[in-house]
Amino acid sequence: MAYLSDTNLRAVLTVLLARLGGDLHITHEELYDAMMPGDGLSERFVLEETVTGFHLRIQGESRDGSR
C-alpha cells in the first residue's frame, strides 16, 4: 500500500477519533500548517504495510510526536 485512498483515510480517521474518545478539536492554524507544511514536503505520511495492517506516521517525527 503506497498511499491512502479516500476510503482508507476516512477509516483511519474513524479509528483515531475512536481512540481519542470520539472528539477532536483542530484549529484553523493547525489545519493550514498540515495542508501547506513549511518544510516543502508534499506528502508527509510514511505508510508501511505490516502483517496485521499498516503503520502510518508523519515523516520526520518519531512515535512520541517529537522530531
PDB file of N, CA and C in Angstrom:
ATOM      1  N   MET A   1       0.858  -1.166   0.000  1.00  0.00           N
ATOM      2  CA  MET A   1       0.000   0.000   0.000  1.00  0.00           C
ATOM      3  C   MET A   1       0.906   1.231   0.000  1.00  0.00           C
ATOM      4  N   ALA A   2       0.919   1.962  -1.084  1.00  0.00           N
ATOM      5  CA  ALA A   2       1.810   3.115  -1.211  1.00  0.00           C
ATOM      6  C   ALA A   2       1.169   4.419  -0.761  1.00  0.00           C
ATOM      7  N   TYR A   3      -0.142   4.479  -0.738  1.00  0.00           N
ATOM      8  CA  TYR A   3      -0.836   5.702  -0.356  1.00  0.00           C
ATOM      9  C   TYR A   3      -2.174   5.338   0.256  1.00  0.00           C
ATOM     10  N   LEU A   4      -2.812   6.303   0.883  1.00  0.00           N
ATOM     11  CA  LEU A   4      -4.136   6.076   1.462  1.00  0.00           C
ATOM     12  C   LEU A   4      -5.204   6.611   0.514  1.00  0.00           C
ATOM     13  N   SER A   5      -6.114   5.757   0.120  1.00  0.00           N
ATOM     14  CA  SER A   5      -7.250   6.209  -0.680  1.00  0.00           C
ATOM     15  C   SER A   5      -8.172   7.014   0.227  1.00  0.00           C
ATOM     16  N   ASP A   6      -9.120   7.719  -0.344  1.00  0.00           N
ATOM     17  CA  ASP A   6     -10.083   8.487   0.453  1.00  0.00           C
ATOM     18  C   ASP A   6     -10.816   7.576   1.438  1.00  0.00           C
ATOM     19  N   THR A   7     -11.198   6.391   0.982  1.00  0.00           N
ATOM     20  CA  THR A   7     -11.910   5.449   1.847  1.00  0.00           C
ATOM     21  C   THR A   7     -11.032   4.991   2.999  1.00  0.00           C
ATOM     22  N   ASN A   8      -9.777   4.640   2.698  1.00  0.00           N
ATOM     23  CA  ASN A   8      -8.858   4.213   3.754  1.00  0.00           C
ATOM     24  C   ASN A   8      -8.550   5.355   4.710  1.00  0.00           C
ATOM     25  N   LEU A   9      -8.401   6.564   4.203  1.00  0.00           N
ATOM     26  CA  LEU A   9      -8.120   7.711   5.062  1.00  0.00           C
ATOM     27  C   LEU A   9      -9.291   7.986   6.003  1.00  0.00           C
ATOM     28  N   ARG A  10     -10.503   7.883   5.505  1.00  0.00           N
ATOM     29  CA  ARG A  10     -11.680   8.060   6.366  1.00  0.00           C
ATOM     30  C   ARG A  10     -11.731   6.977   7.452  1.00  0.00           C
ATOM     31  N   ALA A  11     -11.370   5.759   7.087  1.00  0.00           N
ATOM     32  CA  ALA A  11     -11.350   4.676   8.071  1.00  0.00           C
ATOM     33  C   ALA A  11     -10.282   4.935   9.136  1.00  0.00           C
ATOM     34  N   VAL A  12      -9.114   5.403   8.727  1.00  0.00           N
ATOM     35  CA  VAL A  12      -8.047   5.730   9.677  1.00  0.00           C
ATOM     36  C   VAL A  12      -8.511   6.841  10.610  1.00  0.00           C
ATOM     37  N   LEU A  13      -9.138   7.868  10.076  1.00  0.00           N
ATOM     38  CA  LEU A  13      -9.645   8.960  10.912  1.00  0.00           C
ATOM     39  C   LEU A  13     -10.684   8.464  11.914  1.00  0.00           C
ATOM     40  N   THR A  14     -11.528   7.549  11.496  1.00  0.00           N
ATOM     41  CA  THR A  14     -12.529   6.977  12.395  1.00  0.00           C
ATOM     42  C   THR A  14     -11.864   6.229  13.546  1.00  0.00           C
ATOM     43  N   VAL A  15     -10.840   5.420  13.232  1.00  0.00           N
ATOM     44  CA  VAL A  15     -10.115   4.682  14.273  1.00  0.00           C
ATOM     45  C   VAL A  15      -9.429   5.661  15.228  1.00  0.00           C
ATOM     46  N   LEU A  16      -8.759   6.671  14.690  1.00  0.00           N
ATOM     47  CA  LEU A  16      -8.054   7.632  15.533  1.00  0.00           C
ATOM     48  C   LEU A  16      -9.017   8.416  16.426  1.00  0.00           C
ATOM     49  N   LEU A  17     -10.139   8.839  15.871  1.00  0.00           N
ATOM     50  CA  LEU A  17     -11.125   9.564  16.684  1.00  0.00           C
ATOM     51  C   LEU A  17     -11.699   8.673  17.774  1.00  0.00           C
ATOM     52  N   ALA A  18     -11.929   7.421  17.459  1.00  0.00           N
ATOM     53  CA  ALA A  18     -12.430   6.492  18.474  1.00  0.00           C
ATOM     54  C   ALA A  18     -11.401   6.328  19.594  1.00  0.00           C
ATOM     55  N   ARG A  19     -10.129   6.254  19.245  1.00  0.00           N
ATOM     56  CA  ARG A  19      -9.071   6.129  20.256  1.00  0.00           C
ATOM     57  C   ARG A  19      -8.988   7.366  21.138  1.00  0.00           C
ATOM     58  N   LEU A  20      -9.366   8.519  20.592  1.00  0.00           N
ATOM     59  CA  LEU A  20      -9.321   9.780  21.348  1.00  0.00           C
ATOM     60  C   LEU A  20     -10.621  10.047  22.093  1.00  0.00           C
ATOM     61  N   GLY A  21     -11.538   9.115  22.071  1.00  0.00           N
ATOM     62  CA  GLY A  21     -12.799   9.300  22.771  1.00  0.00           C
ATOM     63  C   GLY A  21     -13.896   9.873  21.894  1.00  0.00           C
ATOM     64  N   GLY A  22     -13.648   9.964  20.597  1.00  0.00           N
ATOM     65  CA  GLY A  22     -14.679  10.378  19.658  1.00  0.00           C
ATOM     66  C   GLY A  22     -14.761  11.874  19.393  1.00  0.00           C
ATOM     67  N   ASP A  23     -13.829  12.658  19.960  1.00  0.00           N
ATOM     68  CA  ASP A  23     -13.898  14.109  19.797  1.00  0.00           C
ATOM     69  C   ASP A  23     -12.494  14.681  19.655  1.00  0.00           C
ATOM     70  N   LEU A  24     -12.312  15.564  18.691  1.00  0.00           N
ATOM     71  CA  LEU A  24     -11.020  16.185  18.459  1.00  0.00           C
ATOM     72  C   LEU A  24     -11.241  17.589  17.929  1.00  0.00           C
ATOM     73  N   HIS A  25     -10.559  18.565  18.502  1.00  0.00           N
ATOM     74  CA  HIS A  25     -10.632  19.937  18.011  1.00  0.00           C
ATOM     75  C   HIS A  25      -9.329  20.264  17.297  1.00  0.00           C
ATOM     76  N   ILE A  26      -9.438  20.753  16.075  1.00  0.00           N
ATOM     77  CA  ILE A  26      -8.280  21.163  15.287  1.00  0.00           C
ATOM     78  C   ILE A  26      -8.470  22.631  14.947  1.00  0.00           C
ATOM     79  N   THR A  27      -7.478  23.453  15.259  1.00  0.00           N
ATOM     80  CA  THR A  27      -7.579  24.878  14.944  1.00  0.00           C
ATOM     81  C   THR A  27      -7.354  25.096  13.453  1.00  0.00           C
ATOM     82  N   HIS A  28      -7.785  26.250  12.972  1.00  0.00           N
ATOM     83  CA  HIS A  28      -7.534  26.602  11.569  1.00  0.00           C
ATOM     84  C   HIS A  28      -6.027  26.630  11.299  1.00  0.00           C
ATOM     85  N   GLU A  29      -5.256  27.150  12.247  1.00  0.00           N
ATOM     86  CA  GLU A  29      -3.807  27.229  12.085  1.00  0.00           C
ATOM     87  C   GLU A  29      -3.190  25.843  11.928  1.00  0.00           C
ATOM     88  N   GLU A  30      -3.611  24.884  12.757  1.00  0.00           N
ATOM     89  CA  GLU A  30      -3.093  23.518  12.652  1.00  0.00           C
ATOM     90  C   GLU A  30      -3.451  22.896  11.310  1.00  0.00           C
ATOM     91  N   LEU A  31      -4.684  23.132  10.866  1.00  0.00           N
ATOM     92  CA  LEU A  31      -5.132  22.583   9.589  1.00  0.00           C
ATOM     93  C   LEU A  31      -4.334  23.164   8.430  1.00  0.00           C
ATOM     94  N   TYR A  32      -4.148  24.489   8.418  1.00  0.00           N
ATOM     95  CA  TYR A  32      -3.387  25.131   7.346  1.00  0.00           C
ATOM     96  C   TYR A  32      -1.924  24.694   7.363  1.00  0.00           C
ATOM     97  N   ASP A  33      -1.345  24.554   8.572  1.00  0.00           N
ATOM     98  CA  ASP A  33       0.034  24.079   8.665  1.00  0.00           C
ATOM     99  C   ASP A  33       0.172  22.666   8.105  1.00  0.00           C
ATOM    100  N   ALA A  34      -0.831  21.837   8.332  1.00  0.00           N
ATOM    101  CA  ALA A  34      -0.796  20.467   7.803  1.00  0.00           C
ATOM    102  C   ALA A  34      -0.978  20.443   6.292  1.00  0.00           C
ATOM    103  N   MET A  35      -1.818  21.361   5.771  1.00  0.00           N
ATOM    104  CA  MET A  35      -2.055  21.398   4.324  1.00  0.00           C
ATOM    105  C   MET A  35      -0.876  21.987   3.568  1.00  0.00           C
ATOM    106  N   MET A  36      -0.200  22.957   4.160  1.00  0.00           N
ATOM    107  CA  MET A  36       0.907  23.644   3.492  1.00  0.00           C
ATOM    108  C   MET A  36       2.117  23.671   4.420  1.00  0.00           C
ATOM    109  N   PRO A  37       2.773  22.518   4.596  1.00  0.00           N
ATOM    110  CA  PRO A  37       3.900  22.460   5.530  1.00  0.00           C
ATOM    111  C   PRO A  37       5.060  23.335   5.070  1.00  0.00           C
ATOM    112  N   GLY A  38       5.732  23.953   6.017  1.00  0.00           N
ATOM    113  CA  GLY A  38       6.851  24.828   5.713  1.00  0.00           C
ATOM    114  C   GLY A  38       8.103  24.104   5.287  1.00  0.00           C
ATOM    115  N   ASP A  39       8.149  22.784   5.495  1.00  0.00           N
ATOM    116  CA  ASP A  39       9.359  22.033   5.148  1.00  0.00           C
ATOM    117  C   ASP A  39       9.409  21.644   3.676  1.00  0.00           C
ATOM    118  N   GLY A  40       8.373  21.983   2.911  1.00  0.00           N
ATOM    119  CA  GLY A  40       8.368  21.730   1.475  1.00  0.00           C
ATOM    120  C   GLY A  40       7.977  20.325   1.066  1.00  0.00           C
ATOM    121  N   LEU A  41       7.648  19.460   2.013  1.00  0.00           N
ATOM    122  CA  LEU A  41       7.247  18.097   1.672  1.00  0.00           C
ATOM    123  C   LEU A  41       5.811  18.098   1.188  1.00  0.00           C
ATOM    124  N   SER A  42       5.566  17.501   0.029  1.00  0.00           N
ATOM    125  CA  SER A  42       4.194  17.451  -0.474  1.00  0.00           C
ATOM    126  C   SER A  42       3.425  16.284   0.150  1.00  0.00           C
ATOM    127  N   GLU A  43       4.095  15.196   0.432  1.00  0.00           N
ATOM    128  CA  GLU A  43       3.468  14.038   1.069  1.00  0.00           C
ATOM    129  C   GLU A  43       4.156  13.815   2.398  1.00  0.00           C
ATOM    130  N   ARG A  44       3.427  13.996   3.489  1.00  0.00           N
ATOM    131  CA  ARG A  44       4.045  13.936   4.814  1.00  0.00           C
ATOM    132  C   ARG A  44       3.879  12.587   5.487  1.00  0.00           C
ATOM    133  N   PHE A  45       3.056  11.701   4.921  1.00  0.00           N
ATOM    134  CA  PHE A  45       2.821  10.407   5.549  1.00  0.00           C
ATOM    135  C   PHE A  45       3.825   9.378   5.074  1.00  0.00           C
ATOM    136  N   VAL A  46       4.267   8.550   6.009  1.00  0.00           N
ATOM    137  CA  VAL A  46       5.040   7.361   5.670  1.00  0.00           C
ATOM    138  C   VAL A  46       4.127   6.192   6.000  1.00  0.00           C
ATOM    139  N   LEU A  47       3.843   5.380   5.023  1.00  0.00           N
ATOM    140  CA  LEU A  47       2.905   4.282   5.169  1.00  0.00           C
ATOM    141  C   LEU A  47       3.638   2.966   4.930  1.00  0.00           C
ATOM    142  N   GLU A  48       3.635   2.115   5.943  1.00  0.00           N
ATOM    143  CA  GLU A  48       4.307   0.825   5.839  1.00  0.00           C
ATOM    144  C   GLU A  48       3.298  -0.278   6.111  1.00  0.00           C
ATOM    145  N   GLU A  49       3.175  -1.195   5.180  1.00  0.00           N
ATOM    146  CA  GLU A  49       2.267  -2.319   5.371  1.00  0.00           C
ATOM    147  C   GLU A  49       2.881  -3.319   6.334  1.00  0.00           C
ATOM    148  N   THR A  50       2.069  -3.853   7.242  1.00  0.00           N
ATOM    149  CA  THR A  50       2.521  -4.866   8.197  1.00  0.00           C
ATOM    150  C   THR A  50       1.690  -6.124   7.993  1.00  0.00           C
ATOM    151  N   VAL A  51       2.015  -7.155   8.737  1.00  0.00           N
ATOM    152  CA  VAL A  51       1.284  -8.418   8.626  1.00  0.00           C
ATOM    153  C   VAL A  51      -0.171  -8.243   9.059  1.00  0.00           C
ATOM    154  N   THR A  52      -0.403  -7.430  10.090  1.00  0.00           N
ATOM    155  CA  THR A  52      -1.752  -7.281  10.643  1.00  0.00           C
ATOM    156  C   THR A  52      -2.480  -6.022  10.176  1.00  0.00           C
ATOM    157  N   GLY A  53      -1.854  -5.187   9.364  1.00  0.00           N
ATOM    158  CA  GLY A  53      -2.489  -3.947   8.901  1.00  0.00           C
ATOM    159  C   GLY A  53      -1.457  -3.033   8.292  1.00  0.00           C
ATOM    160  N   PHE A  54      -1.321  -1.821   8.846  1.00  0.00           N
ATOM    161  CA  PHE A  54      -0.276  -0.935   8.378  1.00  0.00           C
ATOM    162  C   PHE A  54       0.131   0.025   9.474  1.00  0.00           C
ATOM    163  N   HIS A  55       1.307   0.607   9.304  1.00  0.00           N
ATOM    164  CA  HIS A  55       1.859   1.580  10.251  1.00  0.00           C
ATOM    165  C   HIS A  55       1.908   2.914   9.519  1.00  0.00           C
ATOM    166  N   LEU A  56       1.333   3.935  10.105  1.00  0.00           N
ATOM    167  CA  LEU A  56       1.260   5.254   9.498  1.00  0.00           C
ATOM    168  C   LEU A  56       1.898   6.256  10.443  1.00  0.00           C
ATOM    169  N   ARG A  57       2.803   7.072   9.927  1.00  0.00           N
ATOM    170  CA  ARG A  57       3.408   8.121  10.748  1.00  0.00           C
ATOM    171  C   ARG A  57       3.663   9.349   9.884  1.00  0.00           C
ATOM    172  N   ILE A  58       3.902  10.458  10.553  1.00  0.00           N
ATOM    173  CA  ILE A  58       4.231  11.690   9.851  1.00  0.00           C
ATOM    174  C   ILE A  58       5.725  11.680   9.601  1.00  0.00           C
ATOM    175  N   GLN A  59       6.114  11.975   8.375  1.00  0.00           N
ATOM    176  CA  GLN A  59       7.526  11.953   8.003  1.00  0.00           C
ATOM    177  C   GLN A  59       8.320  12.920   8.874  1.00  0.00           C
ATOM    178  N   GLY A  60       9.436  12.428   9.418  1.00  0.00           N
ATOM    179  CA  GLY A  60      10.305  13.254  10.232  1.00  0.00           C
ATOM    180  C   GLY A  60       9.929  13.289  11.706  1.00  0.00           C
ATOM    181  N   GLU A  61       8.891  12.567  12.117  1.00  0.00           N
ATOM    182  CA  GLU A  61       8.501  12.535  13.530  1.00  0.00           C
ATOM    183  C   GLU A  61       8.607  11.115  14.054  1.00  0.00           C
ATOM    184  N   SER A  62       8.959  11.001  15.320  1.00  0.00           N
ATOM    185  CA  SER A  62       9.034   9.695  15.963  1.00  0.00           C
ATOM    186  C   SER A  62       7.663   9.310  16.485  1.00  0.00           C
ATOM    187  N   ARG A  63       7.545   8.134  17.069  1.00  0.00           N
ATOM    188  CA  ARG A  63       6.257   7.631  17.567  1.00  0.00           C
ATOM    189  C   ARG A  63       5.681   8.495  18.683  1.00  0.00           C
ATOM    190  N   ASP A  64       6.558   9.198  19.443  1.00  0.00           N
ATOM    191  CA  ASP A  64       6.045  10.021  20.538  1.00  0.00           C
ATOM    192  C   ASP A  64       5.700  11.435  20.095  1.00  0.00           C
ATOM    193  N   GLY A  65       5.832  11.724  18.785  1.00  0.00           N
ATOM    194  CA  GLY A  65       5.471  13.024  18.264  1.00  0.00           C
ATOM    195  C   GLY A  65       6.628  14.008  18.174  1.00  0.00           C
ATOM    196  N   SER A  66       7.820  13.620  18.675  1.00  0.00           N
ATOM    197  CA  SER A  66       8.963  14.516  18.593  1.00  0.00           C
ATOM    198  C   SER A  66       9.615  14.399  17.219  1.00  0.00           C
ATOM    199  N   ARG A  67      10.336  15.443  16.870  1.00  0.00           N
ATOM    200  CA  ARG A  67      11.001  15.451  15.561  1.00  0.00           C
ATOM    201  C   ARG A  67      12.439  15.073  15.669  1.00  0.00           C
TER     202      ARG A  67
END
